[in-house]
Amino acid sequence: MSVDQASVKHWSKVEMLAESVKNPNIHIRGQHSYYSGAWTGTFEESVVRYHYGDEYSLATWEPMWEIDQLHIGDYVCIGAEAVILMGGNHTHRTDWFSLYPFVEVITDAYIGKGDTIIQDGAWIGMRAMIMPGVTIGEGAIIASGAIVTKSVAPYTIVAGNPAKSIKQRFPEATVDRLLALGIYQWDKQKFDALRAQICADDIDALVKASADYDSQN
């Protein structure tokens, strides 16, 4: 029996978010972020949970509150079965005696968590969960299975439940210089031209290459 390779899901295939995401409340910057969903549905079907703006919710009801937005930067890598928990479940008031979301008081029960932001170059590990309203900093790594309840600083590795910082990817001074360079804000020509220095660990060489490029262009 022949196999239709185009329809087969496989770990070597990824879903490019800029090409697939339709929800108007999900904002994808750039063209390179992807979801590696070999064993699940699409990014919107499996990863983004309880978020108004999908085809069903748009056709079924009008929201009674401001919708929290999801912002995903460029060059973000999202592992299989990760979960980004969004605004639809914020109707369980922990400061009330009953957690149940009774329809009669649903607008009073709802408490928005704010936008969720995954900045450029972050890596979300397999089966990690991002709780609502957090920011994942540039170049941060979320370990597989981590439950992220608080914002994560740039170039930090977090793991566990709740997720805690276990390591900085680079010394603080290097991180400061990386953030100052703004490599993910460069135009495509510069980013591609300096790929060798980006895919390395010599910050002096990267800073020099950036300055040389700017002086010549």
Protein backbone atom coordinates (compact mmCIF):
# COMPACT_ATOMS: atom_id res chain seq x y z
CA MET A 1 0.00 0.00 0.00
CA SER A 2 1.43 3.35 -0.99
CA VAL A 3 1.70 6.12 1.59
CA ASP A 4 0.58 9.68 0.88
CA GLN A 5 3.59 11.48 2.34
CA ALA A 6 1.85 14.83 2.26
CA SER A 7 -0.84 13.67 4.69
CA VAL A 8 1.39 11.75 7.12
CA LYS A 9 2.18 13.46 10.43
CA HIS A 10 5.79 12.97 11.46
CA TRP A 11 8.24 14.44 13.99
CA SER A 12 10.36 15.79 11.15
CA LYS A 13 7.49 17.99 9.94
CA VAL A 14 6.51 21.30 11.52
CA GLU A 15 3.59 23.69 11.22
CA MET A 16 4.67 27.20 10.32
CA LEU A 17 2.46 29.46 12.43
CA ALA A 18 2.51 32.44 10.09
CA GLU A 19 0.94 30.25 7.43
CA SER A 20 -1.63 28.41 9.54
CA VAL A 21 -2.96 30.62 12.34
CA LYS A 22 -6.37 32.17 11.61
CA ASN A 23 -7.57 33.34 15.04
CA PRO A 24 -7.60 37.17 15.01
CA ASN A 25 -6.60 37.19 18.70
CA ILE A 26 -3.32 35.37 17.98
CA HIS A 27 -0.58 37.59 16.59
CA ILE A 28 2.46 36.03 14.91
CA ARG A 29 5.47 38.22 14.21
CA GLY A 30 7.69 37.13 11.35
CA GLN A 31 7.63 33.96 9.27
CA HIS A 32 9.78 31.45 11.14
CA SER A 33 7.97 30.36 14.32
CA TYR A 34 6.72 26.79 14.27
CA TYR A 35 4.80 24.09 16.13
CA SER A 36 6.20 20.55 16.07
CA GLY A 37 2.87 18.75 16.45
CA ALA A 38 3.65 15.25 15.23
CA TRP A 39 1.12 13.50 17.51
CA THR A 40 -1.57 16.14 17.91
CA GLY A 41 -3.89 18.39 15.98
CA THR A 42 -2.89 21.77 14.68
CA PHE A 43 -1.46 24.58 16.80
CA GLU A 44 -4.86 26.22 17.18
CA GLU A 45 -6.65 22.93 17.82
CA SER A 46 -4.23 21.51 20.37
CA VAL A 47 -1.97 24.17 21.88
CA VAL A 48 -4.03 27.33 22.33
CA ARG A 49 -6.75 26.43 24.83
CA TYR A 50 -9.99 28.25 25.61
CA HIS A 51 -9.39 31.27 23.41
CA TYR A 52 -12.19 33.20 21.77
CA GLY A 53 -11.70 33.75 18.06
CA ASP A 54 -11.70 30.25 16.63
CA GLU A 55 -14.27 29.33 14.00
CA TYR A 56 -16.76 27.85 16.49
CA SER A 57 -16.68 30.65 19.06
CA LEU A 58 -16.92 33.37 16.43
CA ALA A 59 -20.04 31.74 15.03
CA THR A 60 -21.63 30.93 18.39
CA TRP A 61 -21.36 33.84 20.85
CA GLU A 62 -20.24 37.37 21.47
CA PRO A 63 -17.66 37.91 24.22
CA MET A 64 -18.78 39.82 27.31
CA TRP A 65 -15.32 41.07 28.19
CA GLU A 66 -12.08 42.18 26.57
CA ILE A 67 -10.27 39.23 25.04
CA ASP A 68 -6.73 38.50 26.19
CA GLN A 69 -4.37 38.40 23.22
CA LEU A 70 -1.60 35.93 22.39
CA HIS A 71 1.57 37.41 20.87
CA ILE A 72 4.27 35.12 19.47
CA GLY A 73 7.54 36.50 18.18
CA ASP A 74 9.75 35.29 15.37
CA TYR A 75 11.95 32.17 15.48
CA VAL A 76 9.89 30.62 18.31
CA CYS A 77 10.01 26.82 18.58
CA ILE A 78 7.02 25.07 20.23
CA GLY A 79 7.24 21.37 21.06
CA ALA A 80 4.53 18.76 20.64
CA GLU A 81 1.58 18.77 23.06
CA ALA A 82 2.54 22.06 24.68
CA VAL A 83 -0.39 24.07 26.06
CA ILE A 84 -0.83 27.84 26.06
CA LEU A 85 -3.75 28.47 28.39
CA MET A 86 -5.76 31.56 27.51
CA GLY A 87 -8.75 33.59 28.63
CA GLY A 88 -11.78 31.34 28.40
CA ASN A 89 -11.40 29.73 31.83
CA HIS A 90 -10.96 32.83 33.99
CA THR A 91 -14.42 32.50 35.54
CA HIS A 92 -13.48 30.44 38.60
CA ARG A 93 -13.18 33.03 41.40
CA THR A 94 -10.83 31.75 44.08
CA ASP A 95 -11.92 34.54 46.42
CA TRP A 96 -15.56 33.37 46.29
CA PHE A 97 -16.87 30.44 48.32
CA SER A 98 -18.03 28.72 45.14
CA LEU A 99 -15.68 28.29 42.21
CA TYR A 100 -18.51 27.29 39.88
CA PRO A 101 -19.05 29.64 36.89
CA PHE A 102 -22.78 30.28 37.28
CA VAL A 103 -24.21 31.97 34.20
CA GLU A 104 -26.07 34.55 36.28
CA VAL A 105 -22.82 36.02 37.64
CA ILE A 106 -20.43 35.09 34.85
CA THR A 107 -19.41 38.67 34.07
CA ASP A 108 -18.60 39.31 37.73
CA ALA A 109 -16.75 36.01 37.93
CA TYR A 110 -14.49 36.76 35.01
CA ILE A 111 -11.08 38.24 35.82
CA GLY A 112 -8.78 38.74 32.85
CA LYS A 113 -5.14 37.76 33.19
CA GLY A 114 -3.77 40.03 30.49
CA ASP A 115 -2.03 39.20 27.24
CA THR A 116 0.35 36.25 26.93
CA ILE A 117 3.60 37.09 25.16
CA ILE A 118 6.21 34.68 23.83
CA GLN A 119 9.13 36.73 22.63
CA ASP A 120 11.52 36.06 19.77
CA GLY A 121 13.75 33.01 19.79
CA ALA A 122 12.08 31.24 22.73
CA TRP A 123 11.82 27.44 22.89
CA ILE A 124 8.77 25.82 24.50
CA GLY A 125 9.46 22.17 25.32
CA MET A 126 7.16 19.22 24.75
CA ARG A 127 4.11 19.11 27.06
CA ALA A 128 5.01 22.37 28.78
CA MET A 129 2.10 24.54 29.92
CA ILE A 130 2.11 28.33 29.77
CA MET A 131 -0.41 29.82 32.19
CA PRO A 132 -2.35 32.96 31.23
CA GLY A 133 -0.87 36.44 31.24
CA VAL A 134 2.82 35.59 31.40
CA THR A 135 5.68 36.80 29.23
CA ILE A 136 8.33 34.39 28.00
CA GLY A 137 11.45 36.44 27.36
CA GLU A 138 13.62 36.46 24.28
CA GLY A 139 15.68 33.30 23.92
CA ALA A 140 14.18 31.65 27.01
CA ILE A 141 13.84 27.86 27.26
CA ILE A 142 10.82 26.21 28.88
CA ALA A 143 11.75 22.65 29.77
CA SER A 144 9.50 19.76 28.77
CA GLY A 145 6.61 19.33 31.19
CA ALA A 146 7.19 22.66 32.95
CA ILE A 147 4.20 24.62 34.27
CA VAL A 148 4.95 28.31 33.80
CA THR A 149 3.00 30.50 36.21
CA LYS A 150 5.23 33.59 36.18
CA SER A 151 7.03 35.55 33.50
CA VAL A 152 10.42 34.23 32.41
CA ALA A 153 13.42 36.51 31.91
CA PRO A 154 15.26 36.56 28.57
CA TYR A 155 17.78 33.77 27.94
CA THR A 156 16.70 31.89 31.08
CA ILE A 157 16.01 28.16 31.37
CA VAL A 158 13.07 27.19 33.59
CA ALA A 159 11.78 23.76 34.61
CA GLY A 160 9.43 22.10 37.06
CA ASN A 161 5.96 22.67 38.52
CA PRO A 162 5.72 25.51 39.14
CA ALA A 163 8.54 26.38 36.77
CA LYS A 164 11.62 27.90 38.39
CA SER A 165 14.83 29.27 36.95
CA ILE A 166 17.53 26.62 36.83
CA LYS A 167 20.12 28.35 34.69
CA GLN A 168 20.96 31.45 32.71
CA ARG A 169 21.98 30.53 29.19
CA PHE A 170 24.71 33.18 29.17
CA PRO A 171 26.35 35.57 31.66
CA GLU A 172 24.27 38.64 32.46
CA ALA A 173 26.64 40.94 30.61
CA THR A 174 26.30 38.80 27.48
CA VAL A 175 22.51 38.83 27.74
CA ASP A 176 22.53 42.61 28.06
CA ARG A 177 24.64 42.90 24.92
CA LEU A 178 22.41 40.46 23.03
CA LEU A 179 19.29 42.40 23.96
CA ALA A 180 20.97 45.65 22.98
CA LEU A 181 21.83 44.20 19.56
CA GLY A 182 18.19 43.30 18.92
CA ILE A 183 19.11 40.50 16.54
CA TYR A 184 15.49 39.48 16.01
CA GLN A 185 14.63 43.00 14.91
CA TRP A 186 17.23 42.98 12.13
CA ASP A 187 16.02 42.86 8.56
CA LYS A 188 16.30 39.53 6.79
CA GLN A 189 19.38 40.53 4.83
CA LYS A 190 21.40 41.36 7.91
CA PHE A 191 20.14 38.36 9.89
CA ASP A 192 21.04 35.98 7.08
CA ALA A 193 24.41 37.63 6.47
CA LEU A 194 25.39 37.21 10.13
CA ARG A 195 23.97 33.69 10.54
CA ALA A 196 27.41 32.23 11.29
CA GLN A 197 27.92 34.62 14.21
CA ILE A 198 24.33 34.15 15.47
CA CYS A 199 24.75 30.38 15.46
CA ALA A 200 27.78 30.58 17.75
CA ASP A 201 28.68 31.77 21.26
CA ASP A 202 31.21 34.54 20.72
CA ILE A 203 29.44 37.77 21.69
CA ASP A 204 32.44 39.94 20.76
CA ALA A 205 32.47 38.49 17.26
CA LEU A 206 28.73 39.05 16.90
CA VAL A 207 28.92 42.66 18.07
CA LYS A 208 31.82 43.35 15.70
CA ALA A 209 30.10 41.66 12.77
CA SER A 210 26.98 43.73 13.42
CA ALA A 211 28.93 46.96 13.53
CA ASP A 212 30.88 46.06 10.38
CA TYR A 213 27.67 45.19 8.53
CA ASP A 214 26.03 48.45 9.55
CA SER A 215 29.04 50.48 8.44
CA GLN A 216 29.03 48.85 5.01
CA ASN A 217 25.29 49.02 4.34
